[in-house]
Amino acid sequence: MEFQRWKSKMQRSCIFLVVVVAMFLVRGEDQPVASPCRECIWYQSRIFASAPGYDSLWLKPSNLSSIMTKSGGFRLQLQEDGNLVLVDVKKNVPIWASMRFCPSISYNIFAVMQMDGNFVVYCNMRSNRPIWATQTSLQGTGPYCVALSDNLSTFGLSVYDGNCKLLWHADTRPTIAQTQAMETAYLAYLNSSL
Protein backbone atom coordinates (compact mmCIF):
# COMPACT_ATOMS: atom_id res chain seq x y z
CA MET A 1 0.00 0.00 0.00
CA GLU A 2 2.81 2.40 0.92
CA PHE A 3 4.56 1.61 -2.36
CA GLN A 4 1.37 2.37 -4.34
CA ARG A 5 1.01 5.80 -2.67
CA TRP A 6 4.68 6.56 -3.32
CA LYS A 7 4.34 5.43 -6.97
CA SER A 8 1.20 7.55 -7.47
CA LYS A 9 2.87 10.58 -5.87
CA MET A 10 5.98 10.15 -8.03
CA GLN A 11 3.87 9.86 -11.19
CA ARG A 12 2.04 13.10 -10.34
CA SER A 13 5.36 14.81 -9.55
CA CYS A 14 6.89 13.62 -12.81
CA ILE A 15 3.89 14.79 -14.83
CA PHE A 16 4.08 18.20 -13.14
CA LEU A 17 7.81 18.40 -13.81
CA VAL A 18 7.32 17.48 -17.47
CA VAL A 19 4.64 20.17 -17.85
CA VAL A 20 6.85 22.81 -16.20
CA VAL A 21 9.88 21.83 -18.29
CA ALA A 22 7.76 21.83 -21.47
CA MET A 23 6.62 25.37 -20.72
CA PHE A 24 10.23 26.55 -20.71
CA LEU A 25 11.39 24.77 -23.84
CA VAL A 26 11.10 26.26 -27.29
CA ARG A 27 10.41 23.34 -29.59
CA GLY A 28 8.50 24.64 -32.57
CA GLU A 29 5.81 26.79 -34.04
CA ASP A 30 3.05 26.44 -31.44
CA GLN A 31 4.84 25.52 -28.22
CA PRO A 32 4.29 27.75 -25.17
CA VAL A 33 7.30 29.50 -23.71
CA ALA A 34 7.04 30.06 -19.97
CA SER A 35 3.71 31.87 -20.16
CA PRO A 36 0.06 30.92 -20.10
CA CYS A 37 -0.77 33.97 -22.24
CA ARG A 38 -2.05 33.08 -25.72
CA GLU A 39 -0.23 36.12 -27.10
CA CYS A 40 3.05 34.71 -25.80
CA ILE A 41 2.97 31.43 -27.69
CA TRP A 42 6.13 30.67 -29.64
CA TYR A 43 6.11 31.97 -33.20
CA GLN A 44 8.84 33.71 -35.13
CA SER A 45 7.02 36.96 -34.32
CA ARG A 46 7.63 36.87 -30.55
CA ILE A 47 10.42 37.95 -28.18
CA PHE A 48 10.42 36.47 -24.67
CA ALA A 49 11.99 37.75 -21.46
CA SER A 50 12.16 34.20 -20.12
CA ALA A 51 13.68 32.38 -23.11
CA PRO A 52 17.45 32.86 -23.48
CA GLY A 53 18.34 33.30 -27.12
CA TYR A 54 14.80 34.47 -27.92
CA ASP A 55 14.77 37.56 -25.70
CA SER A 56 16.41 40.07 -28.03
CA LEU A 57 17.08 41.44 -31.49
CA TRP A 58 20.79 41.93 -32.17
CA LEU A 59 22.30 43.99 -34.93
CA LYS A 60 25.06 41.60 -35.91
CA PRO A 61 25.54 39.80 -39.19
CA SER A 62 25.03 36.34 -37.68
CA ASN A 63 22.19 37.19 -35.30
CA LEU A 64 18.49 37.93 -35.58
CA SER A 65 17.81 41.60 -36.35
CA SER A 66 14.14 41.34 -37.32
CA ILE A 67 11.01 39.34 -36.62
CA MET A 68 8.00 38.88 -38.90
CA THR A 69 4.36 38.03 -38.40
CA LYS A 70 3.39 34.46 -39.19
CA SER A 71 1.78 35.60 -42.47
CA GLY A 72 4.83 37.67 -43.44
CA GLY A 73 2.77 40.86 -43.62
CA PHE A 74 4.70 42.87 -41.02
CA ARG A 75 8.32 42.99 -39.94
CA LEU A 76 9.84 44.56 -36.84
CA GLN A 77 13.42 45.44 -37.63
CA LEU A 78 16.28 46.93 -35.70
CA GLN A 79 18.23 49.16 -38.05
CA GLU A 80 21.93 50.01 -37.99
CA ASP A 81 21.09 53.53 -36.83
CA GLY A 82 19.26 52.20 -33.74
CA ASN A 83 15.78 52.97 -35.02
CA LEU A 84 13.29 50.19 -34.24
CA VAL A 85 10.82 50.08 -37.15
CA LEU A 86 7.58 48.21 -37.82
CA VAL A 87 7.26 47.77 -41.59
CA ASP A 88 4.25 46.83 -43.72
CA VAL A 89 6.11 44.35 -45.91
CA LYS A 90 3.57 44.33 -48.76
CA LYS A 91 3.70 48.12 -49.13
CA ASN A 92 7.34 48.43 -47.94
CA VAL A 93 6.45 51.39 -45.74
CA PRO A 94 6.96 51.95 -42.02
CA ILE A 95 3.77 52.05 -39.93
CA TRP A 96 5.55 52.72 -36.63
CA ALA A 97 9.09 53.67 -35.58
CA SER A 98 10.82 54.48 -32.31
CA MET A 99 12.47 57.46 -34.05
CA ARG A 100 15.42 57.23 -31.66
CA PHE A 101 18.90 56.97 -33.12
CA CYS A 102 22.33 55.99 -31.85
CA PRO A 103 24.96 58.74 -31.91
CA SER A 104 27.14 56.58 -34.18
CA ILE A 105 26.69 53.43 -36.24
CA SER A 106 27.65 50.39 -34.17
CA TYR A 107 27.10 46.64 -34.33
CA ASN A 108 26.51 46.62 -30.57
CA ILE A 109 22.92 47.81 -31.03
CA PHE A 110 20.28 45.53 -29.55
CA ALA A 111 16.65 45.46 -28.42
CA VAL A 112 15.77 43.25 -25.47
CA MET A 113 12.65 42.19 -23.60
CA GLN A 114 13.95 42.52 -20.07
CA MET A 115 12.89 40.32 -17.16
CA ASP A 116 11.36 43.41 -15.48
CA GLY A 117 8.85 43.83 -18.34
CA ASN A 118 10.54 46.69 -20.18
CA PHE A 119 11.29 46.34 -23.93
CA VAL A 120 14.42 48.44 -24.51
CA VAL A 121 16.80 49.44 -27.33
CA TYR A 122 20.46 49.92 -26.38
CA CYS A 123 23.20 51.41 -28.58
CA ASN A 124 26.14 49.86 -26.80
CA MET A 125 26.49 46.97 -24.38
CA ARG A 126 29.23 48.71 -22.42
CA SER A 127 27.43 52.01 -21.83
CA ASN A 128 24.19 50.25 -20.85
CA ARG A 129 22.26 53.40 -21.77
CA PRO A 130 18.92 52.91 -23.49
CA ILE A 131 17.85 55.14 -26.37
CA TRP A 132 14.24 53.95 -26.32
CA ALA A 133 11.96 51.90 -24.05
CA THR A 134 8.31 50.97 -23.63
CA GLN A 135 8.44 52.23 -20.02
CA THR A 136 6.71 49.05 -18.79
CA SER A 137 9.23 48.14 -16.10
CA LEU A 138 7.68 46.38 -13.08
CA GLN A 139 4.15 46.52 -14.49
CA GLY A 140 2.04 43.38 -14.49
CA THR A 141 3.38 39.92 -13.74
CA GLY A 142 6.12 38.06 -15.58
CA PRO A 143 7.06 36.37 -17.73
CA TYR A 144 6.72 39.04 -20.40
CA CYS A 145 6.74 38.99 -24.18
CA VAL A 146 6.79 41.31 -27.16
CA ALA A 147 4.29 40.19 -29.78
CA LEU A 148 4.00 41.26 -33.40
CA SER A 149 0.64 40.56 -35.00
CA ASP A 150 -1.35 41.34 -38.13
CA ASN A 151 -4.51 39.91 -36.57
CA LEU A 152 -7.19 42.64 -36.44
CA SER A 153 -7.83 42.14 -32.71
CA THR A 154 -4.14 42.33 -31.72
CA PHE A 155 -2.77 44.34 -34.64
CA GLY A 156 0.76 45.74 -34.40
CA LEU A 157 3.51 45.60 -31.81
CA SER A 158 2.60 44.93 -28.17
CA VAL A 159 4.09 44.02 -24.80
CA TYR A 160 2.13 41.51 -22.69
CA ASP A 161 2.62 40.18 -19.19
CA GLY A 162 2.26 36.54 -18.18
CA ASN A 163 -1.46 37.00 -17.52
CA CYS A 164 -2.04 38.31 -21.05
CA LYS A 165 -2.49 41.88 -19.81
CA LEU A 166 -1.59 44.39 -22.52
CA LEU A 167 1.10 46.67 -21.04
CA TRP A 168 2.08 48.65 -24.13
CA HIS A 169 1.01 48.93 -27.76
CA ALA A 170 2.68 50.80 -30.63
CA ASP A 171 0.56 53.57 -32.10
CA THR A 172 0.15 52.35 -35.67
CA ARG A 173 -2.00 55.33 -36.63
CA PRO A 174 0.56 58.15 -36.69
CA THR A 175 -0.18 61.73 -37.63
CA ILE A 176 0.72 62.96 -41.12
CA ALA A 177 3.86 64.66 -39.75
CA GLN A 178 4.91 61.47 -37.93
CA THR A 179 4.29 59.40 -41.06
CA GLN A 180 6.41 61.77 -43.16
CA ALA A 181 9.23 61.70 -40.58
CA MET A 182 9.15 57.88 -40.42
CA GLU A 183 9.13 57.53 -44.20
CA THR A 184 11.99 60.02 -44.57
CA ALA A 185 14.08 58.21 -41.94
CA TYR A 186 13.24 54.80 -43.45
CA LEU A 187 14.10 55.90 -47.00
CA ALA A 188 17.36 57.45 -45.78
CA TYR A 189 18.19 54.17 -44.05
CA LEU A 190 17.34 52.12 -47.16
CA ASN A 191 19.43 54.41 -49.38
CA SER A 192 22.40 54.25 -47.00
CA SER A 193 22.21 50.43 -46.98
CA LEU A 194 22.60 50.13 -50.76
Foldseek 3Di string as FASTA:
>chain_A
DVVVVVVVVVVVVVVVVVVQVQQCDDDDAFGHHVFPANLRGDHQQKAWQRHPLRFKAFQDPVTHFWGAAPVRQWIFGQAQQRKTFIARVVVRATLFIQPFGDPDGDRQWMWGCHQQRKTFIDDHPVVPDTRDIQPQGNPDAAGKMWGDDCPPVQHGIFIAHRVRDTRGGTDSDDDPVVRVVRRVVSVVRVVVVD
